[in-house]
Each structure stands twice: as C-alpha cells, then as structure tokens.
Amino acid sequence: LTIIGNDFSLEQKQEVPIPEIDFDINYNEDFAPINKLITEKLSVDNSKGIVLLHGKAGTGKTTYIRYLINSINKKIIYIPPSMANSLANPELIKFLMNNSNSILVIEDAENVLMKRSENSSEAIANILNLTDGLLSDCANIQVVATFNTDLLNIDEALLRKGRLIARYEFKELEEDRVLKLCE
C-alpha cells in the first residue's frame, strides 16, 4: 500500500494485514459474485474504471478493501479522505499518470463523488476523466471508492456503462449469516 503525501509523492509503503474472510459467513449471499467480478476486473493490466462500494458504517467496506489490497497484484495508491479534494489538482493527475496501471483507493469519498452543481469542485470531473475519459487512455488507473451516503447522492455519470466496473451496497448481515458467525 502506498500513501500519497502532501507533495504528491509516494511517502511510505506499508503491509496491510490480510483479514480472514469467509464470504459464506462475513458477507451476504449476493456478495460472492460481485467479489469475483471486482477481483477479476481489477487484475487486468492497463485497465480503467471505477468500483463503488457504499453502505452504512460497520458493514464491511474497509475490511473488504484490506482483502482487495492483498488480492490484487498491482500498485495500490491510497488517498486519505482529508486529501480527496486534491483530485482537482493538476499535479496529482500528473503524478497518477506517472504511476499508471495502479489502483487508486479513496475511502469516505462522499465529498468528491457527489452530484455536480455550479459550485462543485474539479475533483469529480477528474475522477470521471480518469475512469473513462481522455485521461483514462493515458493513465490506466482504476479507482475504488467507498462512501456512506445513499447512491442517489452520487454523480450519475459514475454509473455509466464503460466506466463502472462494479458497485455494491454493503448492508447489515442477514440473520442466517449472523447465526453462522455466532457459531
């Protein structure tokens, strides 16, 4: 895992603990095929697109990100939520282009994924360009973004075919899974 520092350099490299996940217990039944799709698509070299993972806090998004980071054999670049608006900075775009064939992870990305308005930042425009615009042809960056807000609040252009790799709403664990987990 590589974390972007304030000057858009790769500041540190850390080992992310691999969570023990039993997809038959830790996630709802509908998640296994989505996991397979996400893992396959993110493993393709020089690809583009976005994965949107959303749901209430505590439903497994961050644990799943830890799993993904350890499952994909690509450079993972993490942008902390406090720097998400930096996606509007041209220097960050240049940095990402110099680190092509990577996966950009943005946790708690509500503030940069919201619907565009007169006052919206350039961050959403750059995410759209990175995932299926002219920049995507040069950068070959895939984006994984998590958020807690309702999908209806997110810019609709993120959901377009050709840009969207997958989306999944993490919900509270179904009762039968909770019982298995308790056993």
N, C-alpha and C. Protein backbone atom coordinates (compact mmCIF):
# COMPACT_ATOMS: atom_id res chain seq x y z
N LEU A 1 0.85 -1.18 0.00
CA LEU A 1 0.00 0.00 0.00
C LEU A 1 0.89 1.23 0.00
N THR A 2 0.64 2.13 -0.91
CA THR A 2 1.38 3.36 -1.00
C THR A 2 0.44 4.51 -0.65
N ILE A 3 0.90 5.41 0.18
CA ILE A 3 0.08 6.53 0.60
C ILE A 3 0.62 7.80 -0.03
N ILE A 4 -0.25 8.60 -0.56
CA ILE A 4 0.16 9.86 -1.17
C ILE A 4 0.36 10.90 -0.08
N GLY A 5 1.51 11.54 -0.10
CA GLY A 5 1.81 12.60 0.86
C GLY A 5 1.36 13.94 0.32
N ASN A 6 1.59 14.99 1.08
CA ASN A 6 1.13 16.32 0.70
C ASN A 6 1.75 16.84 -0.59
N ASP A 7 2.93 16.36 -0.95
CA ASP A 7 3.57 16.84 -2.17
C ASP A 7 3.37 15.87 -3.33
N PHE A 8 2.39 14.98 -3.23
CA PHE A 8 2.06 14.00 -4.26
C PHE A 8 3.23 13.09 -4.58
N SER A 9 3.89 12.68 -3.54
CA SER A 9 4.94 11.69 -3.70
C SER A 9 4.50 10.44 -2.93
N LEU A 10 5.11 9.33 -3.24
CA LEU A 10 4.79 8.11 -2.54
C LEU A 10 5.56 8.12 -1.24
N GLU A 11 4.87 8.41 -0.14
CA GLU A 11 5.52 8.64 1.14
C GLU A 11 5.97 7.38 1.85
N GLN A 12 5.14 6.39 1.89
CA GLN A 12 5.51 5.22 2.66
C GLN A 12 4.85 3.99 2.07
N LYS A 13 5.43 2.88 2.36
CA LYS A 13 4.88 1.62 1.92
C LYS A 13 4.61 0.80 3.16
N GLN A 14 3.41 0.29 3.26
CA GLN A 14 3.03 -0.45 4.45
C GLN A 14 2.45 -1.80 4.05
N GLU A 15 2.62 -2.74 4.93
CA GLU A 15 1.94 -4.01 4.77
C GLU A 15 0.55 -3.84 5.39
N VAL A 16 -0.45 -4.23 4.67
CA VAL A 16 -1.81 -4.17 5.18
C VAL A 16 -2.17 -5.57 5.66
N PRO A 17 -2.61 -5.70 6.91
CA PRO A 17 -2.94 -7.03 7.40
C PRO A 17 -4.03 -7.68 6.53
N ILE A 18 -3.85 -8.97 6.27
CA ILE A 18 -4.83 -9.70 5.47
C ILE A 18 -5.93 -10.19 6.41
N PRO A 19 -7.15 -9.71 6.21
CA PRO A 19 -8.23 -10.18 7.08
C PRO A 19 -8.66 -11.59 6.70
N GLU A 20 -9.04 -12.36 7.68
CA GLU A 20 -9.59 -13.67 7.40
C GLU A 20 -11.07 -13.48 7.07
N ILE A 21 -11.40 -13.70 5.82
CA ILE A 21 -12.78 -13.50 5.38
C ILE A 21 -13.33 -14.82 4.87
N ASP A 22 -14.46 -15.21 5.41
CA ASP A 22 -15.22 -16.33 4.89
C ASP A 22 -16.45 -15.71 4.23
N PHE A 23 -16.43 -15.67 2.91
CA PHE A 23 -17.52 -15.00 2.19
C PHE A 23 -18.88 -15.66 2.41
N ASP A 24 -18.89 -16.89 2.92
CA ASP A 24 -20.16 -17.56 3.23
C ASP A 24 -20.71 -17.14 4.58
N ILE A 25 -19.92 -16.43 5.36
CA ILE A 25 -20.37 -16.01 6.69
C ILE A 25 -20.28 -14.50 6.86
N ASN A 26 -19.15 -13.89 6.45
CA ASN A 26 -18.89 -12.49 6.76
C ASN A 26 -19.66 -11.49 5.89
N TYR A 27 -20.15 -11.94 4.75
CA TYR A 27 -20.89 -11.05 3.85
C TYR A 27 -22.17 -11.74 3.40
N ASN A 28 -23.12 -10.95 2.94
CA ASN A 28 -24.39 -11.51 2.48
C ASN A 28 -24.20 -12.33 1.22
N GLU A 29 -25.17 -13.16 0.93
CA GLU A 29 -25.10 -14.13 -0.16
C GLU A 29 -24.84 -13.49 -1.53
N ASP A 30 -25.34 -12.28 -1.73
CA ASP A 30 -25.20 -11.63 -3.04
C ASP A 30 -23.80 -11.06 -3.28
N PHE A 31 -22.91 -11.15 -2.29
CA PHE A 31 -21.60 -10.51 -2.44
C PHE A 31 -20.57 -11.35 -3.18
N ALA A 32 -20.63 -12.67 -3.09
CA ALA A 32 -19.62 -13.53 -3.71
C ALA A 32 -19.45 -13.26 -5.22
N PRO A 33 -20.52 -13.16 -6.00
CA PRO A 33 -20.31 -12.88 -7.43
C PRO A 33 -19.74 -11.48 -7.70
N ILE A 34 -20.08 -10.52 -6.86
CA ILE A 34 -19.53 -9.16 -7.01
C ILE A 34 -18.05 -9.18 -6.69
N ASN A 35 -17.66 -9.89 -5.64
CA ASN A 35 -16.25 -10.01 -5.28
C ASN A 35 -15.46 -10.62 -6.44
N LYS A 36 -16.00 -11.66 -7.04
CA LYS A 36 -15.32 -12.32 -8.17
C LYS A 36 -15.14 -11.34 -9.32
N LEU A 37 -16.20 -10.59 -9.65
CA LEU A 37 -16.14 -9.61 -10.74
C LEU A 37 -15.10 -8.53 -10.43
N ILE A 38 -15.14 -7.98 -9.23
CA ILE A 38 -14.21 -6.91 -8.84
C ILE A 38 -12.77 -7.40 -8.93
N THR A 39 -12.51 -8.56 -8.36
CA THR A 39 -11.15 -9.10 -8.34
C THR A 39 -10.65 -9.36 -9.76
N GLU A 40 -11.49 -9.92 -10.60
CA GLU A 40 -11.09 -10.19 -11.99
C GLU A 40 -10.80 -8.91 -12.75
N LYS A 41 -11.69 -7.94 -12.66
CA LYS A 41 -11.54 -6.69 -13.43
C LYS A 41 -10.37 -5.86 -12.94
N LEU A 42 -10.14 -5.81 -11.64
CA LEU A 42 -9.02 -5.02 -11.12
C LEU A 42 -7.68 -5.68 -11.41
N SER A 43 -7.69 -6.95 -11.71
CA SER A 43 -6.44 -7.67 -12.02
C SER A 43 -5.99 -7.49 -13.45
N VAL A 44 -6.83 -6.92 -14.30
CA VAL A 44 -6.48 -6.73 -15.71
C VAL A 44 -5.48 -5.58 -15.81
N ASP A 45 -4.35 -5.83 -16.46
CA ASP A 45 -3.33 -4.80 -16.62
C ASP A 45 -3.81 -3.69 -17.55
N ASN A 46 -3.34 -2.48 -17.26
CA ASN A 46 -3.61 -1.29 -18.07
C ASN A 46 -5.09 -1.10 -18.35
N SER A 47 -5.87 -1.26 -17.31
CA SER A 47 -7.31 -1.11 -17.43
C SER A 47 -7.76 0.18 -16.74
N LYS A 48 -9.02 0.46 -16.83
CA LYS A 48 -9.58 1.68 -16.25
C LYS A 48 -10.95 1.37 -15.69
N GLY A 49 -11.55 2.34 -15.02
CA GLY A 49 -12.89 2.18 -14.48
C GLY A 49 -12.93 2.42 -12.99
N ILE A 50 -14.15 2.32 -12.45
CA ILE A 50 -14.35 2.62 -11.03
C ILE A 50 -15.21 1.54 -10.38
N VAL A 51 -14.86 1.24 -9.13
CA VAL A 51 -15.64 0.35 -8.27
C VAL A 51 -16.19 1.22 -7.16
N LEU A 52 -17.51 1.20 -6.98
CA LEU A 52 -18.16 1.98 -5.94
C LEU A 52 -18.70 1.04 -4.87
N LEU A 53 -18.23 1.22 -3.65
CA LEU A 53 -18.64 0.40 -2.52
C LEU A 53 -19.27 1.34 -1.49
N HIS A 54 -20.52 1.09 -1.16
CA HIS A 54 -21.19 2.01 -0.24
C HIS A 54 -22.03 1.24 0.76
N GLY A 55 -22.42 1.93 1.80
CA GLY A 55 -23.26 1.35 2.84
C GLY A 55 -22.96 2.00 4.18
N LYS A 56 -23.76 1.62 5.15
CA LYS A 56 -23.60 2.17 6.49
C LYS A 56 -22.23 1.82 7.06
N ALA A 57 -21.80 2.64 7.99
CA ALA A 57 -20.54 2.37 8.69
C ALA A 57 -20.65 1.03 9.41
N GLY A 58 -19.56 0.26 9.40
CA GLY A 58 -19.53 -1.00 10.12
C GLY A 58 -20.07 -2.20 9.36
N THR A 59 -20.32 -2.04 8.06
CA THR A 59 -20.90 -3.15 7.28
C THR A 59 -19.86 -3.93 6.49
N GLY A 60 -18.56 -3.57 6.59
CA GLY A 60 -17.52 -4.39 5.99
C GLY A 60 -16.76 -3.80 4.84
N LYS A 61 -16.95 -2.53 4.53
CA LYS A 61 -16.26 -1.92 3.38
C LYS A 61 -14.74 -1.89 3.58
N THR A 62 -14.29 -1.40 4.70
CA THR A 62 -12.85 -1.29 4.94
C THR A 62 -12.19 -2.66 5.05
N THR A 63 -12.85 -3.60 5.67
CA THR A 63 -12.30 -4.96 5.74
C THR A 63 -12.14 -5.52 4.33
N TYR A 64 -13.13 -5.27 3.50
CA TYR A 64 -13.05 -5.76 2.12
C TYR A 64 -11.91 -5.07 1.35
N ILE A 65 -11.71 -3.77 1.58
CA ILE A 65 -10.60 -3.06 0.94
C ILE A 65 -9.28 -3.71 1.35
N ARG A 66 -9.12 -4.06 2.62
CA ARG A 66 -7.91 -4.74 3.08
C ARG A 66 -7.71 -6.06 2.33
N TYR A 67 -8.79 -6.79 2.15
CA TYR A 67 -8.74 -8.05 1.40
C TYR A 67 -8.31 -7.79 -0.04
N LEU A 68 -8.92 -6.79 -0.69
CA LEU A 68 -8.60 -6.47 -2.08
C LEU A 68 -7.14 -6.10 -2.25
N ILE A 69 -6.65 -5.25 -1.37
CA ILE A 69 -5.26 -4.79 -1.45
C ILE A 69 -4.30 -5.97 -1.46
N ASN A 70 -4.64 -7.00 -0.72
CA ASN A 70 -3.79 -8.18 -0.65
C ASN A 70 -4.07 -9.20 -1.75
N SER A 71 -5.14 -9.01 -2.50
CA SER A 71 -5.54 -9.98 -3.53
C SER A 71 -5.12 -9.57 -4.94
N ILE A 72 -4.85 -8.30 -5.14
CA ILE A 72 -4.55 -7.77 -6.47
C ILE A 72 -3.05 -7.51 -6.57
N ASN A 73 -2.45 -7.94 -7.64
CA ASN A 73 -1.01 -7.76 -7.83
C ASN A 73 -0.74 -6.50 -8.66
N LYS A 74 -1.08 -5.36 -8.09
CA LYS A 74 -0.84 -4.05 -8.70
C LYS A 74 -0.43 -3.08 -7.61
N LYS A 75 0.14 -1.98 -8.03
CA LYS A 75 0.44 -0.91 -7.07
C LYS A 75 -0.89 -0.32 -6.61
N ILE A 76 -1.05 -0.20 -5.31
CA ILE A 76 -2.24 0.39 -4.71
C ILE A 76 -1.84 1.75 -4.17
N ILE A 77 -2.53 2.77 -4.61
CA ILE A 77 -2.26 4.13 -4.14
C ILE A 77 -3.47 4.58 -3.33
N TYR A 78 -3.22 4.94 -2.09
CA TYR A 78 -4.29 5.33 -1.17
C TYR A 78 -4.28 6.84 -0.98
N ILE A 79 -5.45 7.44 -1.13
CA ILE A 79 -5.60 8.86 -0.83
C ILE A 79 -6.45 8.96 0.43
N PRO A 80 -5.91 9.53 1.49
CA PRO A 80 -6.71 9.70 2.70
C PRO A 80 -7.90 10.63 2.43
N PRO A 81 -9.00 10.45 3.16
CA PRO A 81 -10.17 11.30 2.95
C PRO A 81 -9.85 12.79 3.02
N SER A 82 -8.90 13.17 3.87
CA SER A 82 -8.56 14.59 4.01
C SER A 82 -7.92 15.16 2.74
N MET A 83 -7.43 14.29 1.85
CA MET A 83 -6.78 14.75 0.62
C MET A 83 -7.62 14.48 -0.63
N ALA A 84 -8.82 13.95 -0.47
CA ALA A 84 -9.63 13.57 -1.63
C ALA A 84 -9.87 14.74 -2.57
N ASN A 85 -10.05 15.93 -2.04
CA ASN A 85 -10.27 17.09 -2.91
C ASN A 85 -9.04 17.41 -3.75
N SER A 86 -7.89 16.85 -3.40
CA SER A 86 -6.67 17.05 -4.19
C SER A 86 -6.80 16.46 -5.59
N LEU A 87 -7.81 15.66 -5.81
CA LEU A 87 -8.02 15.10 -7.15
C LEU A 87 -8.27 16.20 -8.17
N ALA A 88 -8.57 17.40 -7.71
CA ALA A 88 -8.74 18.54 -8.61
C ALA A 88 -7.40 19.18 -8.98
N ASN A 89 -6.34 18.79 -8.31
CA ASN A 89 -5.03 19.39 -8.52
C ASN A 89 -4.35 18.78 -9.75
N PRO A 90 -3.96 19.58 -10.72
CA PRO A 90 -3.27 19.05 -11.90
C PRO A 90 -1.99 18.29 -11.58
N GLU A 91 -1.31 18.64 -10.50
CA GLU A 91 -0.09 17.92 -10.12
C GLU A 91 -0.39 16.49 -9.72
N LEU A 92 -1.55 16.27 -9.09
CA LEU A 92 -1.92 14.91 -8.71
C LEU A 92 -2.23 14.09 -9.96
N ILE A 93 -2.87 14.69 -10.93
CA ILE A 93 -3.16 13.98 -12.18
C ILE A 93 -1.86 13.58 -12.86
N LYS A 94 -0.90 14.50 -12.89
CA LYS A 94 0.42 14.19 -13.46
C LYS A 94 1.06 13.04 -12.69
N PHE A 95 0.98 13.07 -11.38
CA PHE A 95 1.51 12.01 -10.53
C PHE A 95 0.87 10.66 -10.88
N LEU A 96 -0.46 10.64 -11.02
CA LEU A 96 -1.16 9.40 -11.34
C LEU A 96 -0.76 8.87 -12.71
N MET A 97 -0.57 9.77 -13.66
CA MET A 97 -0.16 9.34 -15.00
C MET A 97 1.24 8.73 -14.96
N ASN A 98 2.08 9.20 -14.05
CA ASN A 98 3.42 8.62 -13.88
C ASN A 98 3.39 7.30 -13.11
N ASN A 99 2.25 6.95 -12.57
CA ASN A 99 2.07 5.69 -11.84
C ASN A 99 0.94 4.89 -12.47
N SER A 100 0.97 4.77 -13.78
CA SER A 100 -0.10 4.07 -14.49
C SER A 100 -0.15 2.60 -14.10
N ASN A 101 -1.25 1.97 -14.48
CA ASN A 101 -1.52 0.57 -14.16
C ASN A 101 -1.56 0.35 -12.65
N SER A 102 -2.16 1.32 -11.95
CA SER A 102 -2.30 1.25 -10.49
C SER A 102 -3.78 1.31 -10.15
N ILE A 103 -4.05 1.06 -8.88
CA ILE A 103 -5.41 1.19 -8.35
C ILE A 103 -5.39 2.30 -7.32
N LEU A 104 -6.24 3.28 -7.51
CA LEU A 104 -6.37 4.40 -6.59
C LEU A 104 -7.53 4.11 -5.64
N VAL A 105 -7.24 4.07 -4.35
CA VAL A 105 -8.26 3.80 -3.33
C VAL A 105 -8.59 5.10 -2.62
N ILE A 106 -9.88 5.43 -2.60
CA ILE A 106 -10.35 6.63 -1.90
C ILE A 106 -11.44 6.19 -0.94
N GLU A 107 -11.14 6.19 0.35
CA GLU A 107 -12.15 5.84 1.35
C GLU A 107 -12.91 7.10 1.75
N ASP A 108 -14.17 6.90 2.14
CA ASP A 108 -15.02 8.01 2.58
C ASP A 108 -15.00 9.14 1.55
N ALA A 109 -15.31 8.79 0.33
CA ALA A 109 -15.16 9.70 -0.81
C ALA A 109 -16.42 10.52 -1.13
N GLU A 110 -17.35 10.60 -0.21
CA GLU A 110 -18.59 11.33 -0.48
C GLU A 110 -18.34 12.72 -1.06
N ASN A 111 -17.40 13.45 -0.44
CA ASN A 111 -17.21 14.85 -0.83
C ASN A 111 -16.71 15.02 -2.26
N VAL A 112 -16.13 13.99 -2.88
CA VAL A 112 -15.66 14.14 -4.25
C VAL A 112 -16.51 13.36 -5.26
N LEU A 113 -17.50 12.62 -4.78
CA LEU A 113 -18.34 11.84 -5.68
C LEU A 113 -19.75 12.41 -5.83
N MET A 114 -20.06 13.45 -5.08
CA MET A 114 -21.41 13.99 -5.08
C MET A 114 -21.77 14.58 -6.44
N LYS A 115 -23.06 14.68 -6.69
CA LYS A 115 -23.55 15.24 -7.96
C LYS A 115 -22.95 16.60 -8.20
N ARG A 116 -22.65 16.86 -9.47
CA ARG A 116 -22.07 18.15 -9.84
C ARG A 116 -23.12 19.24 -9.76
N SER A 117 -22.65 20.42 -9.38
CA SER A 117 -23.50 21.60 -9.34
C SER A 117 -22.65 22.79 -9.75
N GLU A 118 -23.23 23.96 -9.69
CA GLU A 118 -22.48 25.17 -10.07
C GLU A 118 -21.22 25.33 -9.22
N ASN A 119 -21.28 24.91 -7.98
CA ASN A 119 -20.18 25.11 -7.05
C ASN A 119 -19.31 23.87 -6.87
N SER A 120 -19.51 22.86 -7.69
CA SER A 120 -18.76 21.61 -7.47
C SER A 120 -17.29 21.79 -7.84
N SER A 121 -16.48 20.95 -7.23
CA SER A 121 -15.05 21.02 -7.48
C SER A 121 -14.70 20.29 -8.76
N GLU A 122 -13.47 20.45 -9.18
CA GLU A 122 -12.97 19.74 -10.36
C GLU A 122 -12.66 18.29 -10.05
N ALA A 123 -12.71 17.91 -8.77
CA ALA A 123 -12.35 16.55 -8.38
C ALA A 123 -13.22 15.52 -9.09
N ILE A 124 -14.53 15.72 -9.12
CA ILE A 124 -15.41 14.75 -9.77
C ILE A 124 -15.13 14.70 -11.27
N ALA A 125 -14.85 15.84 -11.88
CA ALA A 125 -14.53 15.85 -13.31
C ALA A 125 -13.27 15.04 -13.59
N ASN A 126 -12.27 15.17 -12.73
CA ASN A 126 -11.04 14.41 -12.92
C ASN A 126 -11.25 12.91 -12.68
N ILE A 127 -12.09 12.56 -11.71
CA ILE A 127 -12.39 11.14 -11.49
C ILE A 127 -13.10 10.58 -12.72
N LEU A 128 -14.03 11.32 -13.27
CA LEU A 128 -14.73 10.87 -14.47
C LEU A 128 -13.75 10.70 -15.63
N ASN A 129 -12.85 11.64 -15.78
CA ASN A 129 -11.85 11.57 -16.86
C ASN A 129 -10.87 10.42 -16.66
N LEU A 130 -10.47 10.18 -15.42
CA LEU A 130 -9.54 9.09 -15.12
C LEU A 130 -10.16 7.72 -15.37
N THR A 131 -11.47 7.62 -15.18
CA THR A 131 -12.12 6.32 -15.25
C THR A 131 -12.74 6.02 -16.61
N ASP A 132 -12.93 7.02 -17.45
CA ASP A 132 -13.47 6.74 -18.79
C ASP A 132 -13.44 7.98 -19.67
N GLY A 133 -12.41 8.76 -19.59
CA GLY A 133 -12.27 9.94 -20.43
C GLY A 133 -10.92 9.90 -21.11
N LEU A 134 -10.50 11.03 -21.62
CA LEU A 134 -9.21 11.10 -22.30
C LEU A 134 -8.06 10.73 -21.39
N LEU A 135 -8.13 11.16 -20.13
CA LEU A 135 -7.07 10.82 -19.18
C LEU A 135 -6.96 9.31 -18.96
N SER A 136 -8.09 8.62 -19.04
CA SER A 136 -8.07 7.17 -18.79
C SER A 136 -7.24 6.43 -19.82
N ASP A 137 -7.19 6.95 -21.05
CA ASP A 137 -6.41 6.31 -22.11
C ASP A 137 -4.91 6.41 -21.85
N CYS A 138 -4.50 7.42 -21.10
CA CYS A 138 -3.07 7.62 -20.79
C CYS A 138 -2.69 7.05 -19.43
N ALA A 139 -3.57 7.19 -18.47
CA ALA A 139 -3.22 6.86 -17.09
C ALA A 139 -3.42 5.38 -16.75
N ASN A 140 -4.43 4.75 -17.34
CA ASN A 140 -4.73 3.36 -17.00
C ASN A 140 -4.80 3.16 -15.48
N ILE A 141 -5.61 3.99 -14.84
CA ILE A 141 -5.82 3.95 -13.40
C ILE A 141 -7.23 3.43 -13.14
N GLN A 142 -7.33 2.51 -12.22
CA GLN A 142 -8.64 2.07 -11.75
C GLN A 142 -8.87 2.69 -10.38
N VAL A 143 -10.11 3.01 -10.08
CA VAL A 143 -10.44 3.67 -8.83
C VAL A 143 -11.38 2.78 -8.03
N VAL A 144 -11.10 2.65 -6.74
CA VAL A 144 -12.02 2.00 -5.81
C VAL A 144 -12.38 3.07 -4.79
N ALA A 145 -13.67 3.37 -4.71
CA ALA A 145 -14.12 4.43 -3.80
C ALA A 145 -15.20 3.89 -2.88
N THR A 146 -15.07 4.23 -1.60
CA THR A 146 -16.10 3.86 -0.63
C THR A 146 -16.80 5.13 -0.15
N PHE A 147 -18.05 4.97 0.22
CA PHE A 147 -18.80 6.11 0.77
C PHE A 147 -19.97 5.59 1.59
N ASN A 148 -20.47 6.44 2.47
CA ASN A 148 -21.56 6.06 3.37
C ASN A 148 -22.90 6.68 2.97
N THR A 149 -22.91 7.60 2.05
CA THR A 149 -24.15 8.26 1.66
C THR A 149 -24.94 7.36 0.70
N ASP A 150 -26.17 7.72 0.47
CA ASP A 150 -27.03 6.97 -0.45
C ASP A 150 -26.52 7.13 -1.89
N LEU A 151 -26.64 6.10 -2.67
CA LEU A 151 -26.19 6.11 -4.06
C LEU A 151 -26.86 7.23 -4.87
N LEU A 152 -28.06 7.63 -4.50
CA LEU A 152 -28.78 8.70 -5.20
C LEU A 152 -28.06 10.04 -5.11
N ASN A 153 -27.18 10.21 -4.12
CA ASN A 153 -26.45 11.47 -3.95
C ASN A 153 -25.17 11.54 -4.79
N ILE A 154 -24.81 10.43 -5.40
CA ILE A 154 -23.56 10.34 -6.15
C ILE A 154 -23.80 10.75 -7.60
N ASP A 155 -22.83 11.38 -8.22
CA ASP A 155 -22.95 11.84 -9.60
C ASP A 155 -23.29 10.66 -10.51
N GLU A 156 -24.35 10.81 -11.28
CA GLU A 156 -24.86 9.74 -12.14
C GLU A 156 -23.86 9.29 -13.20
N ALA A 157 -22.97 10.16 -13.61
CA ALA A 157 -22.00 9.81 -14.65
C ALA A 157 -21.06 8.71 -14.17
N LEU A 158 -20.90 8.55 -12.85
CA LEU A 158 -20.05 7.48 -12.33
C LEU A 158 -20.64 6.10 -12.61
N LEU A 159 -21.94 6.06 -12.84
CA LEU A 159 -22.64 4.79 -13.01
C LEU A 159 -22.76 4.35 -14.47
N ARG A 160 -22.18 5.12 -15.37
CA ARG A 160 -22.29 4.81 -16.80
C ARG A 160 -21.56 3.53 -17.17
N LYS A 161 -22.18 2.79 -18.09
CA LYS A 161 -21.57 1.59 -18.64
C LYS A 161 -20.26 2.01 -19.31
N GLY A 162 -19.24 1.21 -19.14
CA GLY A 162 -17.93 1.54 -19.68
C GLY A 162 -17.03 2.19 -18.65
N ARG A 163 -17.63 2.86 -17.67
CA ARG A 163 -16.87 3.49 -16.59
C ARG A 163 -16.97 2.65 -15.32
N LEU A 164 -18.18 2.20 -15.02
CA LEU A 164 -18.44 1.48 -13.78
C LEU A 164 -18.04 0.01 -13.92
N ILE A 165 -17.07 -0.40 -13.13
CA ILE A 165 -16.66 -1.80 -13.08
C ILE A 165 -17.69 -2.59 -12.29
N ALA A 166 -18.01 -2.08 -11.10
CA ALA A 166 -18.99 -2.72 -10.23
C ALA A 166 -19.40 -1.75 -9.14
N ARG A 167 -20.56 -1.99 -8.59
CA ARG A 167 -20.99 -1.25 -7.41
C ARG A 167 -21.68 -2.22 -6.49
N TYR A 168 -21.54 -1.96 -5.21
CA TYR A 168 -22.16 -2.85 -4.24
C TYR A 168 -22.53 -2.06 -3.01
N GLU A 169 -23.73 -2.32 -2.51
CA GLU A 169 -24.16 -1.72 -1.25
C GLU A 169 -24.00 -2.75 -0.15
N PHE A 170 -23.12 -2.45 0.79
CA PHE A 170 -22.93 -3.31 1.95
C PHE A 170 -24.09 -3.04 2.91
N LYS A 171 -24.83 -4.09 3.19
CA LYS A 171 -25.97 -3.98 4.10
C LYS A 171 -25.67 -4.76 5.37
N GLU A 172 -26.52 -4.57 6.36
CA GLU A 172 -26.36 -5.33 7.59
C GLU A 172 -26.45 -6.82 7.24
N LEU A 173 -25.71 -7.63 7.98
CA LEU A 173 -25.64 -9.05 7.71
C LEU A 173 -27.01 -9.71 7.90
N GLU A 174 -27.36 -10.58 6.95
CA GLU A 174 -28.63 -11.30 7.03
C GLU A 174 -28.63 -12.22 8.24
N GLU A 175 -29.81 -12.50 8.76
CA GLU A 175 -29.95 -13.25 10.01
C GLU A 175 -29.26 -14.62 9.97
N ASP A 176 -29.40 -15.36 8.88
CA ASP A 176 -28.77 -16.68 8.81
C ASP A 176 -27.24 -16.57 8.86
N ARG A 177 -26.69 -15.51 8.29
CA ARG A 177 -25.24 -15.30 8.33
C ARG A 177 -24.80 -14.90 9.74
N VAL A 178 -25.61 -14.12 10.42
CA VAL A 178 -25.29 -13.73 11.79
C VAL A 178 -25.25 -14.98 12.69
N LEU A 179 -26.20 -15.88 12.49
CA LEU A 179 -26.23 -17.10 13.29
C LEU A 179 -25.01 -17.97 13.03
N LYS A 180 -24.60 -18.08 11.74
CA LYS A 180 -23.40 -18.85 11.40
C LYS A 180 -22.17 -18.21 12.03
N LEU A 181 -22.11 -16.90 11.99
CA LEU A 181 -20.97 -16.17 12.54
C LEU A 181 -20.90 -16.36 14.05
N CYS A 182 -22.04 -16.37 14.71
CA CYS A 182 -22.07 -16.56 16.16
C CYS A 182 -21.63 -17.95 16.58
N GLU A 183 -21.90 -18.94 15.70
CA GLU A 183 -21.49 -20.31 16.00
C GLU A 183 -19.98 -20.39 15.99
